[in-house]
Every structure is written in C-alpha cells, then in structure tokens.
PDB file of N, CA and C in Angstrom:
ATOM      1  N   ALA A   1      98.450  76.548 109.756  1.00  0.00           N
ATOM      2  CA  ALA A   1      98.578  76.733 111.174  1.00  0.00           C
ATOM      3  C   ALA A   1     100.189  76.253 111.652  1.00  0.00           C
ATOM      4  N   MET A   2     101.005  76.744 112.333  1.00  0.00           N
ATOM      5  CA  MET A   2     102.048  76.321 112.982  1.00  0.00           C
ATOM      6  C   MET A   2     102.009  75.151 113.932  1.00  0.00           C
ATOM      7  N   ARG A   3     102.736  74.197 113.875  1.00  0.00           N
ATOM      8  CA  ARG A   3     102.588  73.086 114.952  1.00  0.00           C
ATOM      9  C   ARG A   3     103.232  73.520 116.102  1.00  0.00           C
ATOM     10  N   GLN A   4     102.741  72.969 117.175  1.00  0.00           N
ATOM     11  CA  GLN A   4     103.302  73.302 118.552  1.00  0.00           C
ATOM     12  C   GLN A   4     104.501  72.126 118.785  1.00  0.00           C
ATOM     13  N   LEU A   5     105.607  72.742 119.240  1.00  0.00           N
ATOM     14  CA  LEU A   5     106.699  71.968 119.632  1.00  0.00           C
ATOM     15  C   LEU A   5     106.449  70.927 120.759  1.00  0.00           C
ATOM     16  N   PRO A   6     106.669  69.811 120.856  1.00  0.00           N
ATOM     17  CA  PRO A   6     106.603  68.962 121.983  1.00  0.00           C
ATOM     18  C   PRO A   6     107.663  69.431 123.148  1.00  0.00           C
ATOM     19  N   THR A   7     107.173  69.378 124.444  1.00  0.00           N
ATOM     20  CA  THR A   7     108.065  69.711 125.425  1.00  0.00           C
ATOM     21  C   THR A   7     108.908  68.515 125.914  1.00  0.00           C
ATOM     22  N   LYS A   8     110.161  68.543 125.731  1.00  0.00           N
ATOM     23  CA  LYS A   8     110.959  67.327 125.973  1.00  0.00           C
ATOM     24  C   LYS A   8     112.208  67.955 126.728  1.00  0.00           C
ATOM     25  N   ASN A   9     112.959  67.153 127.356  1.00  0.00           N
ATOM     26  CA  ASN A   9     114.081  67.585 128.114  1.00  0.00           C
ATOM     27  C   ASN A   9     115.188  67.117 127.121  1.00  0.00           C
ATOM     28  N   PHE A  10     116.225  67.797 126.770  1.00  0.00           N
ATOM     29  CA  PHE A  10     117.198  67.602 125.773  1.00  0.00           C
ATOM     30  C   PHE A  10     118.672  67.409 126.446  1.00  0.00           C
ATOM     31  N   VAL A  11     119.275  66.489 126.421  1.00  0.00           N
ATOM     32  CA  VAL A  11     120.489  66.562 127.086  1.00  0.00           C
ATOM     33  C   VAL A  11     121.689  66.355 126.113  1.00  0.00           C
ATOM     34  N   LEU A  12     122.578  67.317 125.490  1.00  0.00           N
ATOM     35  CA  LEU A  12     123.396  67.119 124.519  1.00  0.00           C
ATOM     36  C   LEU A  12     124.528  66.143 124.544  1.00  0.00           C
ATOM     37  N   ALA A  13     125.114  66.282 125.919  1.00  0.00           N
ATOM     38  CA  ALA A  13     126.271  65.424 126.334  1.00  0.00           C
ATOM     39  C   ALA A  13     126.247  65.183 127.855  1.00  0.00           C
ATOM     40  N   ARG A  14     126.377  64.050 128.259  1.00  0.00           N
ATOM     41  CA  ARG A  14     126.585  63.852 129.722  1.00  0.00           C
ATOM     42  C   ARG A  14     127.858  64.384 130.231  1.00  0.00           C
ATOM     43  N   PRO A  15     127.815  65.292 131.227  1.00  0.00           N
ATOM     44  CA  PRO A  15     129.122  65.768 131.998  1.00  0.00           C
ATOM     45  C   PRO A  15     129.653  64.449 132.603  1.00  0.00           C
ATOM     46  N   GLN A  16     131.096  64.633 132.764  1.00  0.00           N
ATOM     47  CA  GLN A  16     131.677  63.564 133.709  1.00  0.00           C
ATOM     48  C   GLN A  16     131.331  63.557 135.183  1.00  0.00           C
ATOM     49  N   ASP A  17     131.078  64.931 135.517  1.00  0.00           N
ATOM     50  CA  ASP A  17     130.923  65.101 136.984  1.00  0.00           C
ATOM     51  C   ASP A  17     129.536  64.889 137.365  1.00  0.00           C
ATOM     52  N   GLY A  18     128.574  64.285 136.649  1.00  0.00           N
ATOM     53  CA  GLY A  18     127.196  64.109 136.951  1.00  0.00           C
ATOM     54  C   GLY A  18     126.215  65.297 137.150  1.00  0.00           C
ATOM     55  N   SER A  19     126.602  66.286 136.486  1.00  0.00           N
ATOM     56  CA  SER A  19     125.802  67.694 136.670  1.00  0.00           C
ATOM     57  C   SER A  19     124.938  67.890 135.496  1.00  0.00           C
ATOM     58  N   ASP A  20     124.483  66.602 134.872  1.00  0.00           N
ATOM     59  CA  ASP A  20     123.588  66.831 133.611  1.00  0.00           C
ATOM     60  C   ASP A  20     122.127  67.379 134.148  1.00  0.00           C
ATOM     61  N   ALA A  21     121.806  67.377 135.327  1.00  0.00           N
ATOM     62  CA  ALA A  21     120.519  67.881 135.957  1.00  0.00           C
ATOM     63  C   ALA A  21     120.411  69.332 135.492  1.00  0.00           C
ATOM     64  N   ASN A  22     121.668  70.026 135.749  1.00  0.00           N
ATOM     65  CA  ASN A  22     121.600  71.555 135.417  1.00  0.00           C
ATOM     66  C   ASN A  22     121.396  71.845 133.843  1.00  0.00           C
ATOM     67  N   LEU A  23     122.197  70.854 133.188  1.00  0.00           N
ATOM     68  CA  LEU A  23     122.171  71.272 131.670  1.00  0.00           C
ATOM     69  C   LEU A  23     120.684  70.969 131.303  1.00  0.00           C
ATOM     70  N   THR A  24     120.046  69.800 131.692  1.00  0.00           N
ATOM     71  CA  THR A  24     118.864  69.693 131.280  1.00  0.00           C
ATOM     72  C   THR A  24     117.823  70.738 131.698  1.00  0.00           C
ATOM     73  N   ALA A  25     118.020  71.364 132.982  1.00  0.00           N
ATOM     74  CA  ALA A  25     117.101  72.443 133.319  1.00  0.00           C
ATOM     75  C   ALA A  25     117.258  73.533 132.592  1.00  0.00           C
ATOM     76  N   VAL A  26     118.591  73.745 132.199  1.00  0.00           N
ATOM     77  CA  VAL A  26     118.891  74.983 131.224  1.00  0.00           C
ATOM     78  C   VAL A  26     118.100  74.819 129.938  1.00  0.00           C
ATOM     79  N   LEU A  27     118.053  73.630 129.244  1.00  0.00           N
ATOM     80  CA  LEU A  27     117.715  73.417 127.986  1.00  0.00           C
ATOM     81  C   LEU A  27     116.153  73.271 128.184  1.00  0.00           C
ATOM     82  N   THR A  28     115.598  72.901 129.133  1.00  0.00           N
ATOM     83  CA  THR A  28     114.070  72.596 129.265  1.00  0.00           C
ATOM     84  C   THR A  28     113.574  74.094 129.349  1.00  0.00           C
ATOM     85  N   GLY A  29     114.330  75.018 130.010  1.00  0.00           N
ATOM     86  CA  GLY A  29     114.029  76.404 130.194  1.00  0.00           C
ATOM     87  C   GLY A  29     113.880  77.298 128.942  1.00  0.00           C
ATOM     88  N   ARG A  30     115.001  76.850 128.172  1.00  0.00           N
ATOM     89  CA  ARG A  30     115.230  77.517 126.884  1.00  0.00           C
ATOM     90  C   ARG A  30     114.074  77.177 125.787  1.00  0.00           C
ATOM     91  N   VAL A  31     113.888  75.755 125.817  1.00  0.00           N
ATOM     92  CA  VAL A  31     112.788  75.081 124.987  1.00  0.00           C
ATOM     93  C   VAL A  31     111.281  75.900 125.209  1.00  0.00           C
ATOM     94  N   ALA A  32     111.048  76.177 126.845  1.00  0.00           N
ATOM     95  CA  ALA A  32     109.906  76.687 127.001  1.00  0.00           C
ATOM     96  C   ALA A  32     109.882  78.249 126.727  1.00  0.00           C
ATOM     97  N   ASP A  33     111.085  78.915 126.861  1.00  0.00           N
ATOM     98  CA  ASP A  33     110.990  80.313 126.132  1.00  0.00           C
ATOM     99  C   ASP A  33     110.836  80.475 124.824  1.00  0.00           C
ATOM    100  N   LEU A  34     111.321  79.312 124.011  1.00  0.00           N
ATOM    101  CA  LEU A  34     111.074  79.483 122.566  1.00  0.00           C
ATOM    102  C   LEU A  34     109.741  79.150 122.263  1.00  0.00           C
ATOM    103  N   GLU A  35     109.051  78.250 122.833  1.00  0.00           N
ATOM    104  CA  GLU A  35     107.519  78.027 122.718  1.00  0.00           C
ATOM    105  C   GLU A  35     106.810  79.364 122.974  1.00  0.00           C
ATOM    106  N   THR A  36     107.058  79.866 124.069  1.00  0.00           N
ATOM    107  CA  THR A  36     106.407  81.073 124.355  1.00  0.00           C
ATOM    108  C   THR A  36     106.701  82.153 123.222  1.00  0.00           C
ATOM    109  N   ASP A  37     107.731  82.288 122.730  1.00  0.00           N
ATOM    110  CA  ASP A  37     108.104  83.129 121.505  1.00  0.00           C
ATOM    111  C   ASP A  37     107.097  82.685 120.355  1.00  0.00           C
ATOM    112  N   ILE A  38     106.998  81.339 120.059  1.00  0.00           N
ATOM    113  CA  ILE A  38     106.162  80.815 118.956  1.00  0.00           C
ATOM    114  C   ILE A  38     104.833  81.453 119.172  1.00  0.00           C
ATOM    115  N   LEU A  39     104.286  81.181 120.420  1.00  0.00           N
ATOM    116  CA  LEU A  39     102.749  81.539 120.702  1.00  0.00           C
ATOM    117  C   LEU A  39     102.772  83.069 120.526  1.00  0.00           C
ATOM    118  N   LYS A  40     103.638  83.881 120.989  1.00  0.00           N
ATOM    119  CA  LYS A  40     103.409  85.374 120.573  1.00  0.00           C
ATOM    120  C   LYS A  40     103.487  85.582 119.167  1.00  0.00           C
ATOM    121  N   LEU A  41     104.461  84.863 118.375  1.00  0.00           N
ATOM    122  CA  LEU A  41     104.538  85.268 116.969  1.00  0.00           C
ATOM    123  C   LEU A  41     103.178  84.884 116.137  1.00  0.00           C
ATOM    124  N   GLU A  42     102.915  83.736 116.749  1.00  0.00           N
ATOM    125  CA  GLU A  42     101.355  83.385 116.214  1.00  0.00           C
ATOM    126  C   GLU A  42     100.170  84.275 116.254  1.00  0.00           C
ATOM    127  N   LYS A  43     100.192  84.757 117.555  1.00  0.00           N
ATOM    128  CA  LYS A  43      99.218  85.765 118.002  1.00  0.00           C
ATOM    129  C   LYS A  43      99.528  87.294 117.092  1.00  0.00           C
ATOM    130  N   GLN A  44     100.736  87.512 116.960  1.00  0.00           N
ATOM    131  CA  GLN A  44     101.030  88.658 115.971  1.00  0.00           C
ATOM    132  C   GLN A  44     100.535  88.401 114.609  1.00  0.00           C
ATOM    133  N   LYS A  45     100.788  87.315 114.090  1.00  0.00           N
ATOM    134  CA  LYS A  45     100.659  86.830 112.700  1.00  0.00           C
ATOM    135  C   LYS A  45      98.878  86.991 112.479  1.00  0.00           C
ATOM    136  N   ARG A  46      98.277  86.652 113.616  1.00  0.00           N
ATOM    137  CA  ARG A  46      96.774  86.727 113.563  1.00  0.00           C
ATOM    138  C   ARG A  46      96.308  88.133 113.552  1.00  0.00           C
ATOM    139  N   GLN A  47      96.820  88.767 114.331  1.00  0.00           N
ATOM    140  CA  GLN A  47      96.265  90.325 114.486  1.00  0.00           C
ATOM    141  C   GLN A  47      96.715  91.004 113.038  1.00  0.00           C
ATOM    142  N   THR A  48      98.002  90.628 112.520  1.00  0.00           N
ATOM    143  CA  THR A  48      98.362  91.236 111.164  1.00  0.00           C
ATOM    144  C   THR A  48      97.402  90.808 110.176  1.00  0.00           C
ATOM    145  N   GLU A  49      96.831  89.603 110.156  1.00  0.00           N
ATOM    146  CA  GLU A  49      95.895  88.998 109.000  1.00  0.00           C
ATOM    147  C   GLU A  49      94.742  90.080 109.453  1.00  0.00           C
ATOM    148  N   SER A  50      94.323  90.109 110.621  1.00  0.00           N
ATOM    149  CA  SER A  50      92.914  90.852 110.938  1.00  0.00           C
ATOM    150  C   SER A  50      93.149  92.195 110.252  1.00  0.00           C
ATOM    151  N   LEU A  51      94.137  92.873 110.566  1.00  0.00           N
ATOM    152  CA  LEU A  51      94.425  94.174 110.246  1.00  0.00           C
ATOM    153  C   LEU A  51      94.237  94.370 108.589  1.00  0.00           C
ATOM    154  N   ASP A  52      94.897  93.374 107.931  1.00  0.00           N
ATOM    155  CA  ASP A  52      94.944  93.335 106.532  1.00  0.00           C
ATOM    156  C   ASP A  52      93.410  93.116 106.042  1.00  0.00           C
ATOM    157  N   LYS A  53      92.601  92.423 106.652  1.00  0.00           N
ATOM    158  CA  LYS A  53      91.274  92.453 106.275  1.00  0.00           C
ATOM    159  C   LYS A  53      90.573  93.738 106.424  1.00  0.00           C
ATOM    160  N   VAL A  54      90.860  94.240 107.559  1.00  0.00           N
ATOM    161  CA  VAL A  54      90.160  95.720 107.642  1.00  0.00           C
ATOM    162  C   VAL A  54      90.660  96.678 106.762  1.00  0.00           C
ATOM    163  N   SER A  55      91.904  96.594 106.255  1.00  0.00           N
ATOM    164  CA  SER A  55      92.503  97.575 105.400  1.00  0.00           C
ATOM    165  C   SER A  55      91.900  97.399 103.999  1.00  0.00           C
ATOM    166  N   ASP A  56      91.651  95.957 103.748  1.00  0.00           N
ATOM    167  CA  ASP A  56      90.933  95.801 102.498  1.00  0.00           C
ATOM    168  C   ASP A  56      89.420  96.249 102.441  1.00  0.00           C
ATOM    169  N   GLN A  57      88.754  96.226 103.550  1.00  0.00           N
ATOM    170  CA  GLN A  57      87.507  96.632 103.700  1.00  0.00           C
ATOM    171  C   GLN A  57      87.301  98.233 103.530  1.00  0.00           C
ATOM    172  N   VAL A  58      88.498  98.954 104.386  1.00  0.00           N
ATOM    173  CA  VAL A  58      88.463 100.363 104.009  1.00  0.00           C
ATOM    174  C   VAL A  58      88.677 100.782 102.679  1.00  0.00           C
ATOM    175  N   ARG A  59      89.475 100.053 101.838  1.00  0.00           N
ATOM    176  CA  ARG A  59      89.783 100.441 100.486  1.00  0.00           C
ATOM    177  C   ARG A  59      88.522 100.199  99.799  1.00  0.00           C
ATOM    178  N   ASP A  60      87.755  99.145  99.819  1.00  0.00           N
ATOM    179  CA  ASP A  60      86.415  98.817  99.342  1.00  0.00           C
ATOM    180  C   ASP A  60      85.390  99.885  99.680  1.00  0.00           C
ATOM    181  N   TYR A  61      85.378 100.342 100.897  1.00  0.00           N
ATOM    182  CA  TYR A  61      84.438 101.568 101.320  1.00  0.00           C
ATOM    183  C   TYR A  61      84.723 102.731 100.691  1.00  0.00           C
ATOM    184  N   CYS A  62      86.123 103.107 100.454  1.00  0.00           N
ATOM    185  CA  CYS A  62      86.269 104.226 100.056  1.00  0.00           C
ATOM    186  C   CYS A  62      86.147 104.235  98.428  1.00  0.00           C
ATOM    187  N   ALA A  63      86.356 103.119  97.690  1.00  0.00           N
ATOM    188  CA  ALA A  63      85.959 102.946  96.326  1.00  0.00           C
ATOM    189  C   ALA A  63      84.436 103.154  96.158  1.00  0.00           C
ATOM    190  N   LYS A  64      83.720 102.686  96.995  1.00  0.00           N
ATOM    191  CA  LYS A  64      82.213 102.782  97.007  1.00  0.00           C
ATOM    192  C   LYS A  64      81.881 104.167  97.101  1.00  0.00           C
ATOM    193  N   VAL A  65      82.457 104.869  98.094  1.00  0.00           N
ATOM    194  CA  VAL A  65      82.065 106.333  98.251  1.00  0.00           C
ATOM    195  C   VAL A  65      82.231 107.066  97.113  1.00  0.00           C
ATOM    196  N   VAL A  66      83.564 106.875  96.617  1.00  0.00           N
ATOM    197  CA  VAL A  66      84.055 107.605  95.363  1.00  0.00           C
ATOM    198  C   VAL A  66      83.200 107.558  94.185  1.00  0.00           C
ATOM    199  N   GLN A  67      82.814 106.101  94.020  1.00  0.00           N
ATOM    200  CA  GLN A  67      81.753 105.938  92.904  1.00  0.00           C
ATOM    201  C   GLN A  67      80.436 106.621  93.207  1.00  0.00           C
ATOM    202  N   LYS A  68      80.065 106.617  94.252  1.00  0.00           N
ATOM    203  CA  LYS A  68      78.792 107.141  94.430  1.00  0.00           C
ATOM    204  C   LYS A  68      78.827 108.805  94.363  1.00  0.00           C
ATOM    205  N   LEU A  69      79.898 109.252  94.924  1.00  0.00           N
ATOM    206  CA  LEU A  69      79.981 110.820  94.846  1.00  0.00           C
ATOM    207  C   LEU A  69      80.190 111.179  93.527  1.00  0.00           C
ATOM    208  N   ASP A  70      80.655 110.460  92.457  1.00  0.00           N
ATOM    209  CA  ASP A  70      80.977 110.835  91.215  1.00  0.00           C
ATOM    210  C   ASP A  70      79.662 111.253  90.510  1.00  0.00           C
ATOM    211  N   SER A  71      78.444 110.561  91.145  1.00  0.00           N
ATOM    212  CA  SER A  71      77.291 110.885  90.502  1.00  0.00           C
ATOM    213  C   SER A  71      76.246 111.907  91.136  1.00  0.00           C
ATOM    214  N   PHE A  72      76.775 112.351  92.057  1.00  0.00           N
ATOM    215  CA  PHE A  72      76.177 113.449  93.044  1.00  0.00           C
ATOM    216  C   PHE A  72      76.552 114.803  92.426  1.00  0.00           C
ATOM    217  N   GLY A  73      75.596 115.650  92.553  1.00  0.00           N
ATOM    218  CA  GLY A  73      75.600 117.101  92.452  1.00  0.00           C
ATOM    219  C   GLY A  73      76.432 117.736  93.484  1.00  0.00           C
ATOM    220  N   PHE A  74      76.867 119.081  93.366  1.00  0.00           N
ATOM    221  CA  PHE A  74      77.597 119.874  94.460  1.00  0.00           C
ATOM    222  C   PHE A  74      76.744 119.569  95.727  1.00  0.00           C
ATOM    223  N   GLU A  75      75.525 119.847  95.778  1.00  0.00           N
ATOM    224  CA  GLU A  75      74.770 119.907  97.129  1.00  0.00           C
ATOM    225  C   GLU A  75      74.714 118.599  97.814  1.00  0.00           C
ATOM    226  N   ASP A  76      74.636 117.505  96.952  1.00  0.00           N
ATOM    227  CA  ASP A  76      74.543 116.142  97.461  1.00  0.00           C
ATOM    228  C   ASP A  76      75.909 115.738  97.877  1.00  0.00           C
ATOM    229  N   LYS A  77      76.899 116.202  97.235  1.00  0.00           N
ATOM    230  CA  LYS A  77      78.262 115.937  97.591  1.00  0.00           C
ATOM    231  C   LYS A  77      78.612 116.410  98.996  1.00  0.00           C
ATOM    232  N   ARG A  78      78.178 117.833  99.209  1.00  0.00           N
ATOM    233  CA  ARG A  78      78.264 118.418 100.272  1.00  0.00           C
ATOM    234  C   ARG A  78      77.590 117.714 101.523  1.00  0.00           C
ATOM    235  N   LEU A  79      76.347 117.427 101.332  1.00  0.00           N
ATOM    236  CA  LEU A  79      75.549 116.794 102.571  1.00  0.00           C
ATOM    237  C   LEU A  79      76.174 115.379 102.639  1.00  0.00           C
ATOM    238  N   ALA A  80      76.808 114.461 101.667  1.00  0.00           N
ATOM    239  CA  ALA A  80      77.343 113.194 101.792  1.00  0.00           C
ATOM    240  C   ALA A  80      78.671 113.533 102.770  1.00  0.00           C
ATOM    241  N   LEU A  81      79.498 114.346 102.543  1.00  0.00           N
ATOM    242  CA  LEU A  81      80.594 114.614 103.400  1.00  0.00           C
ATOM    243  C   LEU A  81      80.421 115.063 104.673  1.00  0.00           C
ATOM    244  N   LYS A  82      79.260 115.863 104.879  1.00  0.00           N
ATOM    245  CA  LYS A  82      78.927 116.315 106.132  1.00  0.00           C
ATOM    246  C   LYS A  82      78.351 115.005 106.945  1.00  0.00           C
ATOM    247  N   ALA A  83      77.481 114.143 106.208  1.00  0.00           N
ATOM    248  CA  ALA A  83      77.110 113.123 106.976  1.00  0.00           C
ATOM    249  C   ALA A  83      78.298 111.975 107.423  1.00  0.00           C
ATOM    250  N   LEU A  84      79.414 111.885 106.673  1.00  0.00           N
ATOM    251  CA  LEU A  84      80.686 111.278 106.755  1.00  0.00           C
ATOM    252  C   LEU A  84      81.441 111.993 107.826  1.00  0.00           C
ATOM    253  N   GLN A  85      81.116 113.103 108.208  1.00  0.00           N
ATOM    254  CA  GLN A  85      81.962 113.923 109.275  1.00  0.00           C
ATOM    255  C   GLN A  85      83.162 114.105 108.637  1.00  0.00           C
ATOM    256  N   ILE A  86      83.162 114.603 107.381  1.00  0.00           N
ATOM    257  CA  ILE A  86      84.489 114.905 106.684  1.00  0.00           C
ATOM    258  C   ILE A  86      84.431 116.395 106.428  1.00  0.00           C
ATOM    259  N   ASN A  87      85.455 117.320 106.825  1.00  0.00           N
ATOM    260  CA  ASN A  87      85.548 118.584 106.599  1.00  0.00           C
ATOM    261  C   ASN A  87      86.456 118.840 105.392  1.00  0.00           C
ATOM    262  N   VAL A  88      86.052 119.596 104.465  1.00  0.00           N
ATOM    263  CA  VAL A  88      86.912 120.010 103.509  1.00  0.00           C
ATOM    264  C   VAL A  88      87.347 121.581 103.563  1.00  0.00           C
ATOM    265  N   VAL A  89      88.746 121.629 103.478  1.00  0.00           N
ATOM    266  CA  VAL A  89      89.320 123.000 103.565  1.00  0.00           C
ATOM    267  C   VAL A  89      90.005 123.300 102.207  1.00  0.00           C
ATOM    268  N   VAL A  90      89.536 124.452 101.401  1.00  0.00           N
ATOM    269  CA  VAL A  90      90.303 124.801 100.379  1.00  0.00           C
ATOM    270  C   VAL A  90      90.888 125.960 100.601  1.00  0.00           C
ATOM    271  N   GLY A  91      92.361 125.889 100.207  1.00  0.00           N
ATOM    272  CA  GLY A  91      93.034 127.046 100.432  1.00  0.00           C
ATOM    273  C   GLY A  91      94.069 127.267  99.266  1.00  0.00           C
ATOM    274  N   LYS A  92      95.080 128.188  99.501  1.00  0.00           N
ATOM    275  CA  LYS A  92      96.002 128.401  98.316  1.00  0.00           C
ATOM    276  C   LYS A  92      96.849 127.114  98.117  1.00  0.00           C
ATOM    277  N   SER A  93      97.038 126.513  99.057  1.00  0.00           N
ATOM    278  CA  SER A  93      98.071 125.076  98.749  1.00  0.00           C
ATOM    279  C   SER A  93      97.061 123.852  98.118  1.00  0.00           C
ATOM    280  N   GLY A  94      95.747 124.093  98.039  1.00  0.00           N
ATOM    281  CA  GLY A  94      95.040 123.033  97.410  1.00  0.00           C
ATOM    282  C   GLY A  94      93.789 122.723  98.248  1.00  0.00           C
ATOM    283  N   VAL A  95      93.267 121.573  98.011  1.00  0.00           N
ATOM    284  CA  VAL A  95      91.988 120.927  98.903  1.00  0.00           C
ATOM    285  C   VAL A  95      92.489 119.930  99.920  1.00  0.00           C
ATOM    286  N   LYS A  96      92.205 120.071 101.171  1.00  0.00           N
ATOM    287  CA  LYS A  96      92.462 119.052 102.309  1.00  0.00           C
ATOM    288  C   LYS A  96      91.340 118.512 102.684  1.00  0.00           C
ATOM    289  N   LEU A  97      91.210 117.260 103.151  1.00  0.00           N
ATOM    290  CA  LEU A  97      90.029 116.631 103.688  1.00  0.00           C
ATOM    291  C   LEU A  97      90.599 116.329 105.046  1.00  0.00           C
ATOM    292  N   PHE A  98      89.683 116.443 106.020  1.00  0.00           N
ATOM    293  CA  PHE A  98      89.765 115.918 107.338  1.00  0.00           C
ATOM    294  C   PHE A  98      88.648 115.207 107.816  1.00  0.00           C
ATOM    295  N   GLY A  99      88.927 113.984 108.534  1.00  0.00           N
ATOM    296  CA  GLY A  99      87.745 113.271 109.059  1.00  0.00           C
ATOM    297  C   GLY A  99      88.090 111.690 109.160  1.00  0.00           C
ATOM    298  N   GLN A 100      87.269 110.935 109.362  1.00  0.00           N
ATOM    299  CA  GLN A 100      87.403 109.510 109.639  1.00  0.00           C
ATOM    300  C   GLN A 100      86.296 108.753 109.073  1.00  0.00           C
ATOM    301  N   ILE A 101      86.658 107.488 108.962  1.00  0.00           N
ATOM    302  CA  ILE A 101      85.606 106.495 108.276  1.00  0.00           C
ATOM    303  C   ILE A 101      84.719 106.247 109.630  1.00  0.00           C
ATOM    304  N   PRO A 102      83.554 106.340 109.589  1.00  0.00           N
ATOM    305  CA  PRO A 102      82.616 105.859 110.788  1.00  0.00           C
ATOM    306  C   PRO A 102      82.966 104.432 111.047  1.00  0.00           C
ATOM    307  N   SER A 103      82.800 104.349 112.467  1.00  0.00           N
ATOM    308  CA  SER A 103      83.299 102.955 112.901  1.00  0.00           C
ATOM    309  C   SER A 103      82.266 101.821 112.500  1.00  0.00           C
ATOM    310  N   PHE A 104      80.997 102.100 112.395  1.00  0.00           N
ATOM    311  CA  PHE A 104      80.130 101.200 111.943  1.00  0.00           C
ATOM    312  C   PHE A 104      80.530 100.606 110.492  1.00  0.00           C
ATOM    313  N   CYS A 105      81.227 101.275 109.704  1.00  0.00           N
ATOM    314  CA  CYS A 105      81.486 100.847 108.331  1.00  0.00           C
ATOM    315  C   CYS A 105      82.787 100.331 108.181  1.00  0.00           C
ATOM    316  N   ALA A 106      83.897 100.305 109.385  1.00  0.00           N
ATOM    317  CA  ALA A 106      84.856  99.810 109.336  1.00  0.00           C
ATOM    318  C   ALA A 106      85.107  98.445 110.161  1.00  0.00           C
ATOM    319  N   THR A 107      84.022  97.684 110.489  1.00  0.00           N
ATOM    320  CA  THR A 107      84.229  96.549 111.231  1.00  0.00           C
ATOM    321  C   THR A 107      84.405  95.264 110.470  1.00  0.00           C
ATOM    322  N   ILE A 108      84.846  94.335 111.020  1.00  0.00           N
ATOM    323  CA  ILE A 108      84.984  93.138 110.136  1.00  0.00           C
ATOM    324  C   ILE A 108      83.749  92.481 109.783  1.00  0.00           C
ATOM    325  N   ALA A 109      82.944  92.763 110.828  1.00  0.00           N
ATOM    326  CA  ALA A 109      81.563  92.071 110.651  1.00  0.00           C
ATOM    327  C   ALA A 109      80.728  92.626 109.373  1.00  0.00           C
ATOM    328  N   ARG A 110      80.819  94.013 109.050  1.00  0.00           N
ATOM    329  CA  ARG A 110      80.128  94.384 107.922  1.00  0.00           C
ATOM    330  C   ARG A 110      80.401  93.703 106.526  1.00  0.00           C
ATOM    331  N   THR A 111      79.175  93.640 106.038  1.00  0.00           N
ATOM    332  CA  THR A 111      79.266  92.968 104.772  1.00  0.00           C
ATOM    333  C   THR A 111      78.449  93.986 103.825  1.00  0.00           C
ATOM    334  N   TRP A 112      79.104  93.831 102.422  1.00  0.00           N
ATOM    335  CA  TRP A 112      78.191  94.672 101.539  1.00  0.00           C
ATOM    336  C   TRP A 112      77.372  93.937 100.694  1.00  0.00           C
ATOM    337  N   ALA A 113      76.155  94.278 100.657  1.00  0.00           N
ATOM    338  CA  ALA A 113      75.055  93.638  99.781  1.00  0.00           C
ATOM    339  C   ALA A 113      75.181  94.081  98.273  1.00  0.00           C
TER     340      ALA A 113
END
C-alpha cells in the first residue's frame, strides 16, 4: 500500500516583500492536488488488480469448459453450447462463435470445487 503524504505548508524561500502567505497557499494547493492524484491512482490500481482477477477466472472457466467439451459427443456439445447461450456459425470462411460467459460464472465471489 502506498503511504499517504502528510499535509504540510512548504515555503521554499521567504520573499523580501512579505508575500510568503501567497506562496504558501499556492504550494498547499499543489500538495492537495497531488494527494488527490495519488488517491485516484490508488483507486485505479485496485480496479486493475480486480480486473486481473476476473480475467484469470475467465481463463480458468474457459479451460474447464474446453476440457469438458472434449469428452462430449456431438449432441452433448450442441446442448452445452446452447446452455451457455453460444451460437455457432459455420460458413465458407470457417467457424465463428458468438456469445458471452454467463454472469454467474464470471464473478469474483465464484469458487471452483
């Protein structure tokens, strides 16, 4: 986890005219902006890590489906693809699959026994 920067007023040099309050305000605002940026980046990092987990689960799911389908006959494969709401189109250019992974199988909470 990234550490949060403490909020402090920084003065680099004291101007001769006594206007250091303005410089302090500018630097304090900049520090606040940077802290906000850090929080946004930390949130994006957590979201990316979450997506990586989902991606791994999708790959695992697909590998299990492929493994099971290899042992099925033609009719069982057809029924399995229908249950998964996957449409198969065979044409001159080859075979195309259209569909999506059921949402109950793509959640982070799902575990495989």
